[in-house]
Amino acid sequence: MAEVLHEFPDLADPRTGCRLMERTVIIANTSNMPVAAREASIYTAVTIGEFFRDQGLNVALMADSTSRWAEALREVSGRLGELPGEAGYPAYLASRLGEFYERAARVTTLAGGSGSLTIIGAVSPPAGDFSEPVTSHTKRFVRCFWGLDRDRAQARFYPAIHPLQSYSDAAERFASWWSRNGNPSWVTQRETLLTLLEQQASLERMARIVGKDALPPAQQLTLVCAELVNEGFLRQSAFSAKDRYCSPPRQSAMLRVILRFVELAEQALARGASPQAIAELPVLRRLQRMGEEIGEDELAAFDDLRAALENAIEGLGAETSHAT
């Protein structure tokens, strides 16, 4: 909270050019304040959000965290002598969470305009246990879940969102939106990347036992391709002038280049190239850094990168055939 108060007044709003703090409302409750204030904080915030929504504005509410709010609810319930439920939380925890999240809505105002309130709730499960009551009940009511991964954060991999623990029930509904924005194959591409990442998770568990070099060449190549997906597509730097924002056309171009690498690498492996030779290609480093090196106004550079990729893989195949 102290960082927000110090940094937001210095950050420029990209839409208006004014200070970001000018359109930010903060409801703060410190640990030395009464427990009732912590319980009331999210209701205060969502009511203020609805006030601006009804004026025809689009409001984003970040609640950090609903776990602390649930703990306050548990403490108040205990003081009132109410019957405790799972993990000591009150029996009405699920209904209170549902009542909070259902206040997110897109509405038509009395003036004839439209406004929206989007709620993003952060959950802090103790010891990372996603089966505890607050997390499990929250996942019942929300249709999109981002699971932050401690290992990724410790490795300085940001955003530290675990691609397999996270999900969206409405992902396929965005297929038409992506088609209108120039990528009709988005659903298929998404499934391909998720399958690749699932294979990586399974192979890494096996590699910790037998060693990566003991895996068959096809599985070693799967690890190389999955690593490229993580480094070249899922990693994003908020401090990079080029990479802090990614438009749909740029994202689609990055996806096509990565999937083309996977396709060509599999073909090279079938011709007899080794996974080590593919992983040592100089163009692979360019693919990993394309997010930071190719900006929004340089989309044609992705075509050049794809051409360099094809030449490198083709040259690798020629060298392999000649050696054979």
Protein backbone atom coordinates (compact mmCIF):
# COMPACT_ATOMS: atom_id res chain seq x y z
CA MET A 1 0.00 0.00 0.00
CA ALA A 2 2.86 2.38 0.78
CA GLU A 3 4.34 1.70 -2.68
CA VAL A 4 0.99 2.48 -4.31
CA LEU A 5 0.70 5.78 -2.48
CA HIS A 6 4.23 6.77 -3.50
CA GLU A 7 4.26 5.50 -7.11
CA PHE A 8 0.76 6.18 -8.46
CA PRO A 9 1.01 10.00 -8.14
CA ASP A 10 4.11 9.83 -10.37
CA LEU A 11 2.65 7.49 -13.03
CA ALA A 12 1.02 9.00 -16.12
CA ASP A 13 -2.37 7.76 -17.25
CA PRO A 14 -1.84 6.54 -20.85
CA ARG A 15 -5.41 7.53 -21.76
CA THR A 16 -5.65 11.03 -20.37
CA GLY A 17 -2.02 12.03 -19.78
CA CYS A 18 -2.91 13.04 -16.21
CA ARG A 19 -1.65 11.41 -13.05
CA LEU A 20 -2.95 7.88 -12.51
CA MET A 21 -3.94 8.70 -8.94
CA GLU A 22 -6.55 11.14 -10.26
CA ARG A 23 -8.83 8.26 -11.27
CA THR A 24 -7.94 5.89 -8.43
CA VAL A 25 -9.83 5.38 -5.16
CA ILE A 26 -8.08 3.48 -2.36
CA ILE A 27 -9.88 1.91 0.62
CA ALA A 28 -7.13 1.01 3.09
CA ASN A 29 -7.38 -0.95 6.33
CA THR A 30 -4.20 -1.57 8.28
CA SER A 31 -3.72 -4.43 10.70
CA ASN A 32 -4.05 -2.18 13.76
CA MET A 33 -7.54 -0.99 12.76
CA PRO A 34 -10.72 -2.60 14.17
CA VAL A 35 -11.67 -5.95 12.68
CA ALA A 36 -15.08 -4.57 11.70
CA ALA A 37 -13.33 -2.11 9.37
CA ARG A 38 -11.70 -4.99 7.51
CA GLU A 39 -15.05 -6.69 7.10
CA ALA A 40 -16.72 -3.52 5.83
CA SER A 41 -13.89 -2.51 3.48
CA ILE A 42 -14.89 -4.54 0.41
CA TYR A 43 -18.52 -3.45 0.73
CA THR A 44 -17.39 0.18 0.93
CA ALA A 45 -15.23 -0.28 -2.16
CA VAL A 46 -17.87 -2.06 -4.27
CA THR A 47 -20.47 0.56 -3.35
CA ILE A 48 -18.15 3.35 -4.51
CA GLY A 49 -17.51 1.34 -7.68
CA GLU A 50 -21.24 1.07 -8.34
CA PHE A 51 -21.55 4.84 -7.80
CA PHE A 52 -19.13 5.53 -10.67
CA ARG A 53 -20.57 2.69 -12.77
CA ASP A 54 -24.01 4.28 -12.60
CA GLN A 55 -22.47 7.46 -14.03
CA GLY A 56 -21.60 5.55 -17.20
CA LEU A 57 -17.97 4.75 -16.34
CA ASN A 58 -16.10 1.44 -16.58
CA VAL A 59 -14.75 0.60 -13.14
CA ALA A 60 -12.16 -2.02 -12.15
CA LEU A 61 -12.18 -3.05 -8.49
CA MET A 62 -9.14 -4.88 -7.09
CA ALA A 63 -9.84 -6.49 -3.70
CA ASP A 64 -6.59 -7.49 -1.97
CA SER A 65 -7.28 -9.71 -0.38
CA THR A 66 -10.58 -11.48 0.15
CA SER A 67 -8.73 -13.94 2.40
CA ARG A 68 -8.02 -11.17 4.92
CA TRP A 69 -11.67 -10.11 4.65
CA ALA A 70 -12.80 -13.71 5.31
CA GLU A 71 -10.52 -13.88 8.35
CA ALA A 72 -12.16 -10.73 9.68
CA LEU A 73 -15.55 -12.30 8.99
CA ARG A 74 -14.46 -15.38 10.94
CA GLU A 75 -13.28 -13.29 13.87
CA VAL A 76 -16.50 -11.28 14.04
CA SER A 77 -18.53 -14.49 13.78
CA GLY A 78 -16.57 -16.02 16.65
CA ARG A 79 -17.15 -13.00 18.85
CA LEU A 80 -20.88 -13.23 18.13
CA GLY A 81 -20.87 -16.89 19.17
CA GLU A 82 -22.08 -18.18 15.82
CA LEU A 83 -21.67 -21.83 14.87
CA PRO A 84 -18.35 -22.23 12.99
CA GLY A 85 -18.11 -24.09 9.71
CA GLU A 86 -15.13 -25.44 7.78
CA ALA A 87 -11.74 -24.16 9.07
CA GLY A 88 -13.60 -22.02 11.59
CA TYR A 89 -15.19 -19.77 8.98
CA PRO A 90 -18.89 -18.99 9.43
CA ALA A 91 -21.36 -21.23 7.64
CA TYR A 92 -22.50 -18.31 5.46
CA LEU A 93 -19.02 -17.68 3.98
CA ALA A 94 -20.00 -19.03 0.54
CA SER A 95 -23.16 -16.92 0.34
CA ARG A 96 -21.28 -13.76 1.37
CA LEU A 97 -18.66 -14.38 -1.32
CA GLY A 98 -21.38 -15.02 -3.91
CA GLU A 99 -23.21 -11.82 -2.95
CA PHE A 100 -19.98 -9.85 -3.37
CA TYR A 101 -18.97 -11.20 -6.79
CA GLU A 102 -22.48 -11.01 -8.24
CA ARG A 103 -22.33 -7.22 -7.88
CA ALA A 104 -19.98 -7.16 -10.88
CA ALA A 105 -22.12 -6.24 -13.88
CA ARG A 106 -22.51 -4.28 -17.08
CA VAL A 107 -25.55 -2.04 -16.92
CA THR A 108 -27.57 0.49 -18.87
CA THR A 109 -27.76 3.66 -16.83
CA LEU A 110 -30.89 5.78 -16.31
CA ALA A 111 -29.31 8.38 -18.58
CA GLY A 112 -29.20 5.85 -21.42
CA GLY A 113 -25.47 5.18 -21.37
CA SER A 114 -23.63 2.05 -20.33
CA GLY A 115 -21.28 1.36 -17.44
CA SER A 116 -19.55 -1.64 -15.98
CA LEU A 117 -18.02 -2.87 -12.76
CA THR A 118 -15.33 -5.55 -12.99
CA ILE A 119 -14.23 -7.24 -9.76
CA ILE A 120 -10.78 -8.80 -9.44
CA GLY A 121 -10.39 -10.54 -6.10
CA ALA A 122 -7.01 -11.66 -4.81
CA VAL A 123 -7.02 -14.76 -2.63
CA SER A 124 -4.09 -15.54 -0.32
CA PRO A 125 -4.47 -19.21 0.71
CA PRO A 126 -2.25 -20.25 3.63
CA ALA A 127 0.71 -22.36 2.45
CA GLY A 128 -0.63 -22.15 -1.10
CA ASP A 129 -3.46 -24.60 -0.33
CA PHE A 130 -6.06 -24.11 -3.07
CA SER A 131 -8.46 -26.50 -1.35
CA GLU A 132 -9.03 -24.20 1.65
CA PRO A 133 -12.57 -22.73 1.97
CA VAL A 134 -12.02 -19.18 0.67
CA THR A 135 -10.24 -20.35 -2.50
CA SER A 136 -12.59 -23.26 -3.21
CA HIS A 137 -15.74 -21.14 -2.73
CA THR A 138 -14.29 -18.29 -4.80
CA LYS A 139 -13.60 -20.65 -7.71
CA ARG A 140 -17.25 -21.67 -7.62
CA PHE A 141 -18.41 -18.14 -8.40
CA VAL A 142 -15.77 -16.77 -10.77
CA ARG A 143 -15.30 -17.95 -14.36
CA CYS A 144 -11.68 -16.89 -14.66
CA PHE A 145 -8.87 -17.82 -12.29
CA TRP A 146 -5.20 -16.79 -12.33
CA GLY A 147 -3.00 -19.01 -10.20
CA LEU A 148 0.25 -17.30 -9.20
CA ASP A 149 3.18 -19.69 -9.03
CA ARG A 150 5.79 -19.29 -6.29
CA ASP A 151 8.50 -21.06 -8.29
CA ARG A 152 8.06 -18.69 -11.22
CA ALA A 153 8.17 -15.66 -8.97
CA GLN A 154 11.35 -16.88 -7.27
CA ALA A 155 12.89 -17.40 -10.71
CA ARG A 156 12.00 -13.77 -11.57
CA PHE A 157 9.57 -14.98 -14.23
CA TYR A 158 6.84 -12.36 -14.57
CA PRO A 159 3.93 -12.36 -14.79
CA ALA A 160 4.19 -15.36 -12.46
CA ILE A 161 0.89 -16.86 -13.63
CA HIS A 162 0.88 -20.64 -13.83
CA PRO A 163 -0.57 -21.50 -17.27
CA LEU A 164 -1.92 -24.90 -16.19
CA GLN A 165 -3.44 -23.94 -12.84
CA SER A 166 -5.12 -20.92 -14.41
CA TYR A 167 -8.25 -21.20 -16.53
CA SER A 168 -11.12 -19.34 -18.13
CA ASP A 169 -14.52 -20.94 -18.70
CA ALA A 170 -15.28 -18.37 -21.39
CA ALA A 171 -12.11 -18.87 -23.48
CA GLU A 172 -13.90 -20.38 -26.50
CA ARG A 173 -16.36 -17.49 -26.53
CA PHE A 174 -13.50 -15.22 -27.55
CA ALA A 175 -12.93 -17.13 -30.80
CA SER A 176 -15.18 -14.77 -32.77
CA TRP A 177 -13.43 -11.73 -31.25
CA TRP A 178 -10.02 -13.08 -32.27
CA SER A 179 -11.36 -13.83 -35.76
CA ARG A 180 -12.44 -10.21 -36.11
CA ASN A 181 -8.95 -9.17 -35.00
CA GLY A 182 -7.14 -11.23 -37.59
CA ASN A 183 -6.53 -14.61 -35.92
CA PRO A 184 -9.25 -17.17 -36.76
CA SER A 185 -6.99 -20.01 -35.51
CA TRP A 186 -6.66 -18.67 -31.97
CA VAL A 187 -8.56 -21.52 -30.28
CA THR A 188 -6.47 -24.17 -32.03
CA GLN A 189 -3.24 -22.33 -31.26
CA ARG A 190 -4.20 -21.99 -27.61
CA GLU A 191 -4.93 -25.71 -27.33
CA THR A 192 -1.59 -26.52 -28.98
CA LEU A 193 0.36 -24.40 -26.50
CA LEU A 194 -1.51 -25.80 -23.49
CA THR A 195 -0.86 -29.35 -24.68
CA LEU A 196 2.81 -28.52 -25.07
CA LEU A 197 2.99 -27.07 -21.55
CA GLU A 198 1.20 -30.10 -20.08
CA GLN A 199 3.73 -32.38 -21.75
CA GLN A 200 6.54 -30.24 -20.34
CA ALA A 201 5.20 -30.58 -16.79
CA SER A 202 5.03 -34.36 -17.15
CA LEU A 203 8.48 -34.65 -18.76
CA GLU A 204 10.16 -32.42 -16.17
CA ARG A 205 9.01 -34.74 -13.40
CA MET A 206 10.51 -37.65 -15.34
CA ALA A 207 13.71 -35.72 -16.11
CA ARG A 208 14.31 -35.09 -12.40
CA ILE A 209 14.47 -38.86 -11.94
CA VAL A 210 16.37 -40.12 -14.98
CA GLY A 211 18.04 -36.92 -16.19
CA LYS A 212 17.16 -34.81 -19.23
CA ASP A 213 19.80 -36.45 -21.46
CA ALA A 214 18.21 -39.86 -20.90
CA LEU A 215 14.93 -38.79 -22.48
CA PRO A 216 14.19 -39.74 -26.10
CA PRO A 217 15.02 -37.02 -28.69
CA ALA A 218 11.34 -36.23 -29.33
CA GLN A 219 10.76 -35.55 -25.63
CA GLN A 220 13.91 -33.44 -25.40
CA LEU A 221 12.61 -31.36 -28.31
CA THR A 222 9.27 -30.96 -26.51
CA LEU A 223 11.13 -29.40 -23.56
CA VAL A 224 12.97 -27.03 -25.92
CA CYS A 225 9.73 -25.92 -27.58
CA ALA A 226 7.91 -25.50 -24.25
CA GLU A 227 10.79 -23.40 -22.93
CA LEU A 228 10.43 -21.15 -25.97
CA VAL A 229 6.71 -20.73 -25.24
CA ASN A 230 7.52 -19.66 -21.69
CA GLU A 231 10.41 -17.34 -22.53
CA GLY A 232 9.20 -15.93 -25.83
CA PHE A 233 5.46 -15.64 -25.22
CA LEU A 234 4.41 -15.98 -21.58
CA ARG A 235 7.17 -13.82 -20.08
CA GLN A 236 6.45 -10.09 -20.30
CA SER A 237 8.37 -7.13 -18.91
CA ALA A 238 6.38 -4.24 -17.50
CA PHE A 239 9.55 -2.15 -17.52
CA SER A 240 10.16 -2.57 -21.26
CA ALA A 241 8.87 0.24 -23.46
CA LYS A 242 8.08 -2.29 -26.21
CA ASP A 243 6.89 -5.27 -24.18
CA ARG A 244 4.71 -3.67 -21.51
CA TYR A 245 1.78 -3.70 -23.94
CA CYS A 246 0.88 -6.32 -26.55
CA SER A 247 -1.88 -5.69 -29.10
CA PRO A 248 -3.87 -8.57 -30.65
CA PRO A 249 -2.03 -8.32 -34.04
CA ARG A 250 1.36 -8.43 -32.31
CA GLN A 251 0.32 -11.30 -30.07
CA SER A 252 -0.97 -13.25 -33.08
CA ALA A 253 2.30 -12.66 -34.95
CA MET A 254 4.31 -13.95 -31.99
CA LEU A 255 2.10 -17.04 -31.78
CA ARG A 256 2.55 -17.82 -35.46
CA VAL A 257 6.34 -17.54 -35.27
CA ILE A 258 6.53 -19.83 -32.22
CA LEU A 259 4.23 -22.45 -33.73
CA ARG A 260 6.22 -22.31 -36.96
CA PHE A 261 9.37 -23.04 -34.96
CA VAL A 262 7.67 -26.05 -33.35
CA GLU A 263 6.59 -27.35 -36.75
CA LEU A 264 10.01 -26.88 -38.38
CA ALA A 265 11.85 -28.31 -35.38
CA GLU A 266 9.77 -31.49 -35.52
CA GLN A 267 10.52 -31.79 -39.23
CA ALA A 268 14.25 -31.30 -38.61
CA LEU A 269 14.18 -33.94 -35.87
CA ALA A 270 12.53 -36.37 -38.30
CA ARG A 271 15.37 -35.71 -40.77
CA GLY A 272 17.91 -36.68 -38.15
CA ALA A 273 18.82 -33.37 -36.47
CA SER A 274 19.56 -33.59 -32.76
CA PRO A 275 17.58 -31.65 -30.13
CA GLN A 276 20.86 -30.13 -28.91
CA ALA A 277 21.61 -28.72 -32.39
CA ILE A 278 18.13 -27.20 -32.58
CA ALA A 279 18.43 -25.71 -29.08
CA GLU A 280 21.79 -24.12 -29.99
CA LEU A 281 20.50 -22.28 -33.06
CA PRO A 282 21.31 -18.54 -32.78
CA VAL A 283 17.84 -17.66 -34.07
CA LEU A 284 16.31 -19.28 -30.99
CA ARG A 285 17.70 -16.49 -28.83
CA ARG A 286 16.02 -13.95 -31.11
CA LEU A 287 12.74 -15.82 -30.71
CA GLN A 288 13.03 -15.73 -26.93
CA ARG A 289 13.61 -11.96 -26.95
CA MET A 290 11.22 -10.95 -29.73
CA GLY A 291 8.77 -9.49 -27.21
CA GLU A 292 11.33 -6.93 -26.03
CA GLU A 293 12.96 -6.31 -29.41
CA ILE A 294 9.97 -6.00 -31.78
CA GLY A 295 7.50 -3.23 -30.98
CA GLU A 296 3.95 -2.48 -32.03
CA ASP A 297 5.06 -0.43 -35.05
CA GLU A 298 7.48 -3.11 -36.27
CA LEU A 299 5.16 -6.01 -37.06
CA ALA A 300 6.87 -6.57 -40.41
CA ALA A 301 9.95 -7.64 -38.42
CA PHE A 302 8.10 -10.82 -37.45
CA ASP A 303 8.07 -11.84 -41.12
CA ASP A 304 11.83 -11.27 -41.28
CA LEU A 305 12.27 -13.30 -38.11
CA ARG A 306 10.19 -16.11 -39.55
CA ALA A 307 12.28 -16.11 -42.73
CA ALA A 308 15.48 -16.25 -40.66
CA LEU A 309 14.01 -19.12 -38.68
CA GLU A 310 13.17 -21.11 -41.80
CA ASN A 311 16.65 -20.52 -43.24
CA ALA A 312 18.29 -21.64 -40.00
CA ILE A 313 16.24 -24.83 -39.76
CA GLU A 314 16.76 -25.55 -43.45
CA GLY A 315 20.49 -25.07 -43.05
CA LEU A 316 20.45 -27.36 -40.05
CA GLY A 317 18.74 -30.03 -42.12
CA ALA A 318 21.30 -29.61 -44.94
CA GLU A 319 24.21 -29.93 -42.52
CA THR A 320 22.65 -33.05 -41.01
CA SER A 321 22.10 -34.65 -44.44
CA HIS A 322 25.66 -33.82 -45.49
CA ALA A 323 27.06 -35.33 -42.29
CA THR A 324 24.99 -38.44 -42.84
